Amino acid sequence: MSIEDNFHHAAKQANIALGLAIVEAAAEGIDSTPMEGFDPIALDDFLKLPSKGLRSSMLLALGYRDQENDWNLKLEKVRKPFDEFVTFL
């Protein structure tokens, strides 16, 4: 594979780890959100990633929500019952 193909493959594989990190953060009571749409060249330069042979592909914000000012927190949530959401084959 070319270097660029290898990067895209590795970025897709990193999504697996990202998903596991999100699940573990939730299990620990920590809020998280994955982020794209950032300037990867600027971030890579800031973190000096090229000197380590690395490039960024995504970000994961971790922290705790501001419960007093989170307008979305107070909205009614819509959840499907487990038996409608999960199907066993």
PDB file of N, CA and C in Angstrom:
ATOM      1  N   MET A   1       0.844  -1.185   0.000  1.00  0.00           N
ATOM      2  CA  MET A   1       0.000   0.000   0.000  1.00  0.00           C
ATOM      3  C   MET A   1       0.887   1.245   0.000  1.00  0.00           C
ATOM      4  N   SER A   2       0.341   2.303  -0.558  1.00  0.00           N
ATOM      5  CA  SER A   2       1.056   3.577  -0.512  1.00  0.00           C
ATOM      6  C   SER A   2       0.994   4.137   0.909  1.00  0.00           C
ATOM      7  N   ILE A   3       1.796   5.129   1.183  1.00  0.00           N
ATOM      8  CA  ILE A   3       1.780   5.767   2.510  1.00  0.00           C
ATOM      9  C   ILE A   3       0.391   6.336   2.798  1.00  0.00           C
ATOM     10  N   GLU A   4      -0.219   6.957   1.795  1.00  0.00           N
ATOM     11  CA  GLU A   4      -1.555   7.553   1.983  1.00  0.00           C
ATOM     12  C   GLU A   4      -2.612   6.469   2.207  1.00  0.00           C
ATOM     13  N   ASP A   5      -2.544   5.376   1.455  1.00  0.00           N
ATOM     14  CA  ASP A   5      -3.480   4.263   1.662  1.00  0.00           C
ATOM     15  C   ASP A   5      -3.308   3.674   3.059  1.00  0.00           C
ATOM     16  N   ASN A   6      -2.069   3.552   3.496  1.00  0.00           N
ATOM     17  CA  ASN A   6      -1.781   3.029   4.826  1.00  0.00           C
ATOM     18  C   ASN A   6      -2.363   3.939   5.908  1.00  0.00           C
ATOM     19  N   PHE A   7      -2.235   5.261   5.717  1.00  0.00           N
ATOM     20  CA  PHE A   7      -2.791   6.211   6.676  1.00  0.00           C
ATOM     21  C   PHE A   7      -4.310   6.055   6.766  1.00  0.00           C
ATOM     22  N   HIS A   8      -4.983   5.963   5.618  1.00  0.00           N
ATOM     23  CA  HIS A   8      -6.448   5.838   5.625  1.00  0.00           C
ATOM     24  C   HIS A   8      -6.884   4.522   6.277  1.00  0.00           C
ATOM     25  N   HIS A   9      -6.152   3.472   6.036  1.00  0.00           N
ATOM     26  CA  HIS A   9      -6.463   2.193   6.678  1.00  0.00           C
ATOM     27  C   HIS A   9      -6.284   2.307   8.194  1.00  0.00           C
ATOM     28  N   ALA A  10      -5.179   2.891   8.623  1.00  0.00           N
ATOM     29  CA  ALA A  10      -4.916   3.046  10.056  1.00  0.00           C
ATOM     30  C   ALA A  10      -5.957   3.949  10.713  1.00  0.00           C
ATOM     31  N   ALA A  11      -6.397   4.993  10.004  1.00  0.00           N
ATOM     32  CA  ALA A  11      -7.411   5.898  10.554  1.00  0.00           C
ATOM     33  C   ALA A  11      -8.723   5.159  10.767  1.00  0.00           C
ATOM     34  N   LYS A  12      -9.074   4.289   9.832  1.00  0.00           N
ATOM     35  CA  LYS A  12     -10.300   3.501   9.996  1.00  0.00           C
ATOM     36  C   LYS A  12     -10.178   2.539  11.177  1.00  0.00           C
ATOM     37  N   GLN A  13      -9.013   1.953  11.350  1.00  0.00           N
ATOM     38  CA  GLN A  13      -8.790   1.059  12.475  1.00  0.00           C
ATOM     39  C   GLN A  13      -8.829   1.823  13.803  1.00  0.00           C
ATOM     40  N   ALA A  14      -8.373   3.072  13.773  1.00  0.00           N
ATOM     41  CA  ALA A  14      -8.403   3.892  14.986  1.00  0.00           C
ATOM     42  C   ALA A  14      -9.834   4.159  15.430  1.00  0.00           C
ATOM     43  N   ASN A  15     -10.783   4.133  14.497  1.00  0.00           N
ATOM     44  CA  ASN A  15     -12.195   4.315  14.857  1.00  0.00           C
ATOM     45  C   ASN A  15     -12.671   3.228  15.813  1.00  0.00           C
ATOM     46  N   ILE A  16     -12.128   2.024  15.687  1.00  0.00           N
ATOM     47  CA  ILE A  16     -12.488   0.935  16.600  1.00  0.00           C
ATOM     48  C   ILE A  16     -12.070   1.308  18.020  1.00  0.00           C
ATOM     49  N   ALA A  17     -10.830   1.738  18.178  1.00  0.00           N
ATOM     50  CA  ALA A  17     -10.339   2.142  19.498  1.00  0.00           C
ATOM     51  C   ALA A  17     -11.112   3.348  20.019  1.00  0.00           C
ATOM     52  N   LEU A  18     -11.462   4.265  19.128  1.00  0.00           N
ATOM     53  CA  LEU A  18     -12.229   5.444  19.525  1.00  0.00           C
ATOM     54  C   LEU A  18     -13.579   5.023  20.110  1.00  0.00           C
ATOM     55  N   GLY A  19     -14.250   4.093  19.435  1.00  0.00           N
ATOM     56  CA  GLY A  19     -15.532   3.602  19.940  1.00  0.00           C
ATOM     57  C   GLY A  19     -15.409   2.960  21.300  1.00  0.00           C
ATOM     58  N   LEU A  20     -14.364   2.175  21.498  1.00  0.00           N
ATOM     59  CA  LEU A  20     -14.143   1.551  22.804  1.00  0.00           C
ATOM     60  C   LEU A  20     -13.846   2.598  23.877  1.00  0.00           C
ATOM     61  N   ALA A  21     -13.112   3.636  23.519  1.00  0.00           N
ATOM     62  CA  ALA A  21     -12.814   4.705  24.478  1.00  0.00           C
ATOM     63  C   ALA A  21     -14.087   5.433  24.886  1.00  0.00           C
ATOM     64  N   ILE A  22     -14.994   5.648  23.934  1.00  0.00           N
ATOM     65  CA  ILE A  22     -16.263   6.312  24.234  1.00  0.00           C
ATOM     66  C   ILE A  22     -17.099   5.461  25.193  1.00  0.00           C
ATOM     67  N   VAL A  23     -17.155   4.160  24.937  1.00  0.00           N
ATOM     68  CA  VAL A  23     -17.911   3.247  25.800  1.00  0.00           C
ATOM     69  C   VAL A  23     -17.303   3.214  27.204  1.00  0.00           C
ATOM     70  N   GLU A  24     -15.988   3.131  27.297  1.00  0.00           N
ATOM     71  CA  GLU A  24     -15.338   3.091  28.609  1.00  0.00           C
ATOM     72  C   GLU A  24     -15.522   4.401  29.364  1.00  0.00           C
ATOM     73  N   ALA A  25     -15.455   5.521  28.644  1.00  0.00           N
ATOM     74  CA  ALA A  25     -15.690   6.814  29.300  1.00  0.00           C
ATOM     75  C   ALA A  25     -17.103   6.842  29.894  1.00  0.00           C
ATOM     76  N   ALA A  26     -18.079   6.375  29.130  1.00  0.00           N
ATOM     77  CA  ALA A  26     -19.457   6.343  29.632  1.00  0.00           C
ATOM     78  C   ALA A  26     -19.573   5.446  30.856  1.00  0.00           C
ATOM     79  N   ALA A  27     -18.886   4.308  30.835  1.00  0.00           N
ATOM     80  CA  ALA A  27     -18.919   3.397  31.983  1.00  0.00           C
ATOM     81  C   ALA A  27     -18.320   4.041  33.226  1.00  0.00           C
ATOM     82  N   GLU A  28     -17.376   4.956  33.026  1.00  0.00           N
ATOM     83  CA  GLU A  28     -16.738   5.660  34.146  1.00  0.00           C
ATOM     84  C   GLU A  28     -17.470   6.945  34.514  1.00  0.00           C
ATOM     85  N   GLY A  29     -18.576   7.251  33.802  1.00  0.00           N
ATOM     86  CA  GLY A  29     -19.341   8.464  34.092  1.00  0.00           C
ATOM     87  C   GLY A  29     -18.723   9.726  33.520  1.00  0.00           C
ATOM     88  N   ILE A  30     -17.898   9.568  32.503  1.00  0.00           N
ATOM     89  CA  ILE A  30     -17.240  10.711  31.873  1.00  0.00           C
ATOM     90  C   ILE A  30     -17.890  10.961  30.523  1.00  0.00           C
ATOM     91  N   ASP A  31     -18.237  12.209  30.239  1.00  0.00           N
ATOM     92  CA  ASP A  31     -18.828  12.564  28.952  1.00  0.00           C
ATOM     93  C   ASP A  31     -17.749  12.606  27.892  1.00  0.00           C
ATOM     94  N   SER A  32     -18.116  12.241  26.664  1.00  0.00           N
ATOM     95  CA  SER A  32     -17.142  12.271  25.567  1.00  0.00           C
ATOM     96  C   SER A  32     -17.865  12.539  24.259  1.00  0.00           C
ATOM     97  N   THR A  33     -17.135  13.052  23.311  1.00  0.00           N
ATOM     98  CA  THR A  33     -17.664  13.226  21.964  1.00  0.00           C
ATOM     99  C   THR A  33     -16.520  13.175  20.959  1.00  0.00           C
ATOM    100  N   PRO A  34     -16.695  12.362  19.907  1.00  0.00           N
ATOM    101  CA  PRO A  34     -15.677  12.348  18.859  1.00  0.00           C
ATOM    102  C   PRO A  34     -15.830  13.589  17.992  1.00  0.00           C
ATOM    103  N   MET A  35     -14.723  14.059  17.447  1.00  0.00           N
ATOM    104  CA  MET A  35     -14.778  15.273  16.629  1.00  0.00           C
ATOM    105  C   MET A  35     -13.956  15.108  15.360  1.00  0.00           C
ATOM    106  N   GLU A  36     -14.543  15.571  14.276  1.00  0.00           N
ATOM    107  CA  GLU A  36     -13.821  15.717  13.019  1.00  0.00           C
ATOM    108  C   GLU A  36     -13.997  17.171  12.618  1.00  0.00           C
ATOM    109  N   GLY A  37     -13.535  17.547  11.453  1.00  0.00           N
ATOM    110  CA  GLY A  37     -13.712  18.918  10.997  1.00  0.00           C
ATOM    111  C   GLY A  37     -12.693  19.884  11.583  1.00  0.00           C
ATOM    112  N   PHE A  38     -11.608  19.365  12.118  1.00  0.00           N
ATOM    113  CA  PHE A  38     -10.534  20.219  12.632  1.00  0.00           C
ATOM    114  C   PHE A  38      -9.458  20.347  11.561  1.00  0.00           C
ATOM    115  N   ASP A  39      -8.519  21.213  11.778  1.00  0.00           N
ATOM    116  CA  ASP A  39      -7.419  21.412  10.831  1.00  0.00           C
ATOM    117  C   ASP A  39      -6.288  20.453  11.218  1.00  0.00           C
ATOM    118  N   PRO A  40      -6.198  19.288  10.561  1.00  0.00           N
ATOM    119  CA  PRO A  40      -5.204  18.304  10.982  1.00  0.00           C
ATOM    120  C   PRO A  40      -3.761  18.768  10.786  1.00  0.00           C
ATOM    121  N   ILE A  41      -3.506  19.565   9.780  1.00  0.00           N
ATOM    122  CA  ILE A  41      -2.131  20.039   9.558  1.00  0.00           C
ATOM    123  C   ILE A  41      -1.702  20.948  10.709  1.00  0.00           C
ATOM    124  N   ALA A  42      -2.601  21.861  11.115  1.00  0.00           N
ATOM    125  CA  ALA A  42      -2.285  22.762  12.231  1.00  0.00           C
ATOM    126  C   ALA A  42      -2.115  21.970  13.524  1.00  0.00           C
ATOM    127  N   LEU A  43      -2.984  20.998  13.759  1.00  0.00           N
ATOM    128  CA  LEU A  43      -2.875  20.187  14.973  1.00  0.00           C
ATOM    129  C   LEU A  43      -1.593  19.364  14.964  1.00  0.00           C
ATOM    130  N   ASP A  44      -1.305  18.755  13.816  1.00  0.00           N
ATOM    131  CA  ASP A  44      -0.083  17.961  13.705  1.00  0.00           C
ATOM    132  C   ASP A  44       1.155  18.812  13.981  1.00  0.00           C
ATOM    133  N   ASP A  45       1.175  20.024  13.428  1.00  0.00           N
ATOM    134  CA  ASP A  45       2.305  20.921  13.671  1.00  0.00           C
ATOM    135  C   ASP A  45       2.394  21.307  15.145  1.00  0.00           C
ATOM    136  N   PHE A  46       1.244  21.625  15.752  1.00  0.00           N
ATOM    137  CA  PHE A  46       1.210  22.023  17.162  1.00  0.00           C
ATOM    138  C   PHE A  46       1.742  20.903  18.061  1.00  0.00           C
ATOM    139  N   LEU A  47       1.349  19.663  17.761  1.00  0.00           N
ATOM    140  CA  LEU A  47       1.770  18.518  18.569  1.00  0.00           C
ATOM    141  C   LEU A  47       3.099  17.915  18.107  1.00  0.00           C
ATOM    142  N   LYS A  48       3.666  18.508  17.055  1.00  0.00           N
ATOM    143  CA  LYS A  48       4.936  18.027  16.495  1.00  0.00           C
ATOM    144  C   LYS A  48       4.856  16.550  16.085  1.00  0.00           C
ATOM    145  N   LEU A  49       3.703  16.166  15.533  1.00  0.00           N
ATOM    146  CA  LEU A  49       3.507  14.776  15.129  1.00  0.00           C
ATOM    147  C   LEU A  49       4.380  14.350  13.945  1.00  0.00           C
ATOM    148  N   PRO A  50       4.584  15.224  12.938  1.00  0.00           N
ATOM    149  CA  PRO A  50       5.410  14.783  11.799  1.00  0.00           C
ATOM    150  C   PRO A  50       6.810  14.333  12.219  1.00  0.00           C
ATOM    151  N   SER A  51       7.381  14.944  13.237  1.00  0.00           N
ATOM    152  CA  SER A  51       8.720  14.562  13.681  1.00  0.00           C
ATOM    153  C   SER A  51       8.741  13.149  14.275  1.00  0.00           C
ATOM    154  N   LYS A  52       7.543  12.647  14.628  1.00  0.00           N
ATOM    155  CA  LYS A  52       7.422  11.294  15.182  1.00  0.00           C
ATOM    156  C   LYS A  52       6.868  10.315  14.148  1.00  0.00           C
ATOM    157  N   GLY A  53       6.688  10.810  12.908  1.00  0.00           N
ATOM    158  CA  GLY A  53       6.132   9.965  11.858  1.00  0.00           C
ATOM    159  C   GLY A  53       4.651   9.715  12.022  1.00  0.00           C
ATOM    160  N   LEU A  54       3.942  10.638  12.682  1.00  0.00           N
ATOM    161  CA  LEU A  54       2.512  10.467  12.969  1.00  0.00           C
ATOM    162  C   LEU A  54       1.674  11.560  12.315  1.00  0.00           C
ATOM    163  N   ARG A  55       0.376  11.282  12.170  1.00  0.00           N
ATOM    164  CA  ARG A  55      -0.603  12.256  11.675  1.00  0.00           C
ATOM    165  C   ARG A  55      -1.893  12.059  12.459  1.00  0.00           C
ATOM    166  N   SER A  56      -2.631  13.127  12.655  1.00  0.00           N
ATOM    167  CA  SER A  56      -3.910  13.030  13.354  1.00  0.00           C
ATOM    168  C   SER A  56      -5.019  12.680  12.370  1.00  0.00           C
ATOM    169  N   SER A  57      -6.052  11.993  12.873  1.00  0.00           N
ATOM    170  CA  SER A  57      -7.208  11.661  12.035  1.00  0.00           C
ATOM    171  C   SER A  57      -8.530  11.989  12.716  1.00  0.00           C
ATOM    172  N   MET A  58      -8.514  12.110  14.051  1.00  0.00           N
ATOM    173  CA  MET A  58      -9.738  12.419  14.787  1.00  0.00           C
ATOM    174  C   MET A  58      -9.368  12.930  16.170  1.00  0.00           C
ATOM    175  N   LEU A  59     -10.357  13.494  16.831  1.00  0.00           N
ATOM    176  CA  LEU A  59     -10.182  13.977  18.197  1.00  0.00           C
ATOM    177  C   LEU A  59     -11.264  13.365  19.073  1.00  0.00           C
ATOM    178  N   LEU A  60     -10.986  13.220  20.358  1.00  0.00           N
ATOM    179  CA  LEU A  60     -11.983  12.767  21.318  1.00  0.00           C
ATOM    180  C   LEU A  60     -11.939  13.721  22.500  1.00  0.00           C
ATOM    181  N   ALA A  61     -13.020  14.459  22.680  1.00  0.00           N
ATOM    182  CA  ALA A  61     -13.123  15.365  23.829  1.00  0.00           C
ATOM    183  C   ALA A  61     -13.670  14.580  25.018  1.00  0.00           C
ATOM    184  N   LEU A  62     -13.038  14.735  26.156  1.00  0.00           N
ATOM    185  CA  LEU A  62     -13.458  14.078  27.393  1.00  0.00           C
ATOM    186  C   LEU A  62     -13.665  15.136  28.471  1.00  0.00           C
ATOM    187  N   GLY A  63     -14.667  14.936  29.305  1.00  0.00           N
ATOM    188  CA  GLY A  63     -14.891  15.878  30.393  1.00  0.00           C
ATOM    189  C   GLY A  63     -16.229  15.644  31.059  1.00  0.00           C
ATOM    190  N   TYR A  64     -16.693  16.656  31.728  1.00  0.00           N
ATOM    191  CA  TYR A  64     -17.974  16.589  32.430  1.00  0.00           C
ATOM    192  C   TYR A  64     -18.853  17.737  31.964  1.00  0.00           C
ATOM    193  N   ARG A  65     -20.102  17.421  31.701  1.00  0.00           N
ATOM    194  CA  ARG A  65     -21.027  18.446  31.218  1.00  0.00           C
ATOM    195  C   ARG A  65     -21.348  19.465  32.308  1.00  0.00           C
ATOM    196  N   ASP A  66     -21.704  20.643  31.881  1.00  0.00           N
ATOM    197  CA  ASP A  66     -22.135  21.718  32.771  1.00  0.00           C
ATOM    198  C   ASP A  66     -23.631  21.522  33.002  1.00  0.00           C
ATOM    199  N   GLN A  67     -23.986  20.789  34.043  1.00  0.00           N
ATOM    200  CA  GLN A  67     -25.373  20.392  34.247  1.00  0.00           C
ATOM    201  C   GLN A  67     -26.312  21.577  34.446  1.00  0.00           C
ATOM    202  N   GLU A  68     -25.833  22.671  34.987  1.00  0.00           N
ATOM    203  CA  GLU A  68     -26.687  23.837  35.199  1.00  0.00           C
ATOM    204  C   GLU A  68     -27.012  24.561  33.902  1.00  0.00           C
ATOM    205  N   ASN A  69     -26.098  24.557  32.932  1.00  0.00           N
ATOM    206  CA  ASN A  69     -26.284  25.325  31.704  1.00  0.00           C
ATOM    207  C   ASN A  69     -26.502  24.459  30.459  1.00  0.00           C
ATOM    208  N   ASP A  70     -26.634  23.151  30.611  1.00  0.00           N
ATOM    209  CA  ASP A  70     -26.843  22.258  29.467  1.00  0.00           C
ATOM    210  C   ASP A  70     -28.335  22.162  29.167  1.00  0.00           C
ATOM    211  N   TRP A  71     -28.804  22.968  28.210  1.00  0.00           N
ATOM    212  CA  TRP A  71     -30.236  22.994  27.879  1.00  0.00           C
ATOM    213  C   TRP A  71     -30.701  21.643  27.342  1.00  0.00           C
ATOM    214  N   ASN A  72     -29.830  20.909  26.705  1.00  0.00           N
ATOM    215  CA  ASN A  72     -30.192  19.620  26.113  1.00  0.00           C
ATOM    216  C   ASN A  72     -30.421  18.550  27.182  1.00  0.00           C
ATOM    217  N   LEU A  73     -29.777  18.689  28.313  1.00  0.00           N
ATOM    218  CA  LEU A  73     -29.870  17.711  29.384  1.00  0.00           C
ATOM    219  C   LEU A  73     -31.299  17.595  29.920  1.00  0.00           C
ATOM    220  N   LYS A  74     -32.028  18.688  29.908  1.00  0.00           N
ATOM    221  CA  LYS A  74     -33.371  18.708  30.486  1.00  0.00           C
ATOM    222  C   LYS A  74     -34.467  18.254  29.518  1.00  0.00           C
ATOM    223  N   LEU A  75     -34.121  18.065  28.247  1.00  0.00           N
ATOM    224  CA  LEU A  75     -35.111  17.625  27.264  1.00  0.00           C
ATOM    225  C   LEU A  75     -35.477  16.162  27.482  1.00  0.00           C
ATOM    226  N   GLU A  76     -36.731  15.826  27.184  1.00  0.00           N
ATOM    227  CA  GLU A  76     -37.177  14.438  27.314  1.00  0.00           C
ATOM    228  C   GLU A  76     -36.428  13.578  26.291  1.00  0.00           C
ATOM    229  N   LYS A  77     -35.915  12.463  26.741  1.00  0.00           N
ATOM    230  CA  LYS A  77     -35.188  11.550  25.865  1.00  0.00           C
ATOM    231  C   LYS A  77     -36.157  10.498  25.313  1.00  0.00           C
ATOM    232  N   VAL A  78     -35.911  10.097  24.096  1.00  0.00           N
ATOM    233  CA  VAL A  78     -36.727   9.066  23.471  1.00  0.00           C
ATOM    234  C   VAL A  78     -35.884   7.797  23.401  1.00  0.00           C
ATOM    235  N   ARG A  79     -36.330   6.787  24.099  1.00  0.00           N
ATOM    236  CA  ARG A  79     -35.599   5.519  24.134  1.00  0.00           C
ATOM    237  C   ARG A  79     -36.556   4.400  23.729  1.00  0.00           C
ATOM    238  N   LYS A  80     -36.079   3.528  22.856  1.00  0.00           N
ATOM    239  CA  LYS A  80     -36.864   2.360  22.473  1.00  0.00           C
ATOM    240  C   LYS A  80     -36.715   1.298  23.554  1.00  0.00           C
ATOM    241  N   PRO A  81     -37.768   0.518  23.777  1.00  0.00           N
ATOM    242  CA  PRO A  81     -37.629  -0.605  24.710  1.00  0.00           C
ATOM    243  C   PRO A  81     -36.581  -1.594  24.192  1.00  0.00           C
ATOM    244  N   PHE A  82     -35.909  -2.268  25.102  1.00  0.00           N
ATOM    245  CA  PHE A  82     -34.826  -3.186  24.746  1.00  0.00           C
ATOM    246  C   PHE A  82     -35.262  -4.203  23.697  1.00  0.00           C
ATOM    247  N   ASP A  83     -36.454  -4.785  23.866  1.00  0.00           N
ATOM    248  CA  ASP A  83     -36.902  -5.826  22.931  1.00  0.00           C
ATOM    249  C   ASP A  83     -37.214  -5.279  21.531  1.00  0.00           C
ATOM    250  N   GLU A  84     -37.398  -3.984  21.395  1.00  0.00           N
ATOM    251  CA  GLU A  84     -37.585  -3.383  20.056  1.00  0.00           C
ATOM    252  C   GLU A  84     -36.240  -2.983  19.448  1.00  0.00           C
ATOM    253  N   PHE A  85     -35.268  -2.762  20.291  1.00  0.00           N
ATOM    254  CA  PHE A  85     -33.964  -2.290  19.837  1.00  0.00           C
ATOM    255  C   PHE A  85     -33.021  -3.444  19.482  1.00  0.00           C
ATOM    256  N   VAL A  86     -33.127  -4.543  20.219  1.00  0.00           N
ATOM    257  CA  VAL A  86     -32.227  -5.683  20.042  1.00  0.00           C
ATOM    258  C   VAL A  86     -32.995  -6.869  19.491  1.00  0.00           C
ATOM    259  N   THR A  87     -32.438  -7.519  18.492  1.00  0.00           N
ATOM    260  CA  THR A  87     -33.026  -8.716  17.915  1.00  0.00           C
ATOM    261  C   THR A  87     -32.023  -9.849  18.014  1.00  0.00           C
ATOM    262  N   PHE A  88     -32.433 -10.955  18.593  1.00  0.00           N
ATOM    263  CA  PHE A  88     -31.589 -12.136  18.677  1.00  0.00           C
ATOM    264  C   PHE A  88     -31.941 -13.070  17.546  1.00  0.00           C
ATOM    265  N   LEU A  89     -30.951 -13.546  16.833  1.00  0.00           N
ATOM    266  CA  LEU A  89     -31.177 -14.468  15.718  1.00  0.00           C
ATOM    267  C   LEU A  89     -30.777 -15.864  16.081  1.00  0.00           C
TER     268      LEU A  89
END
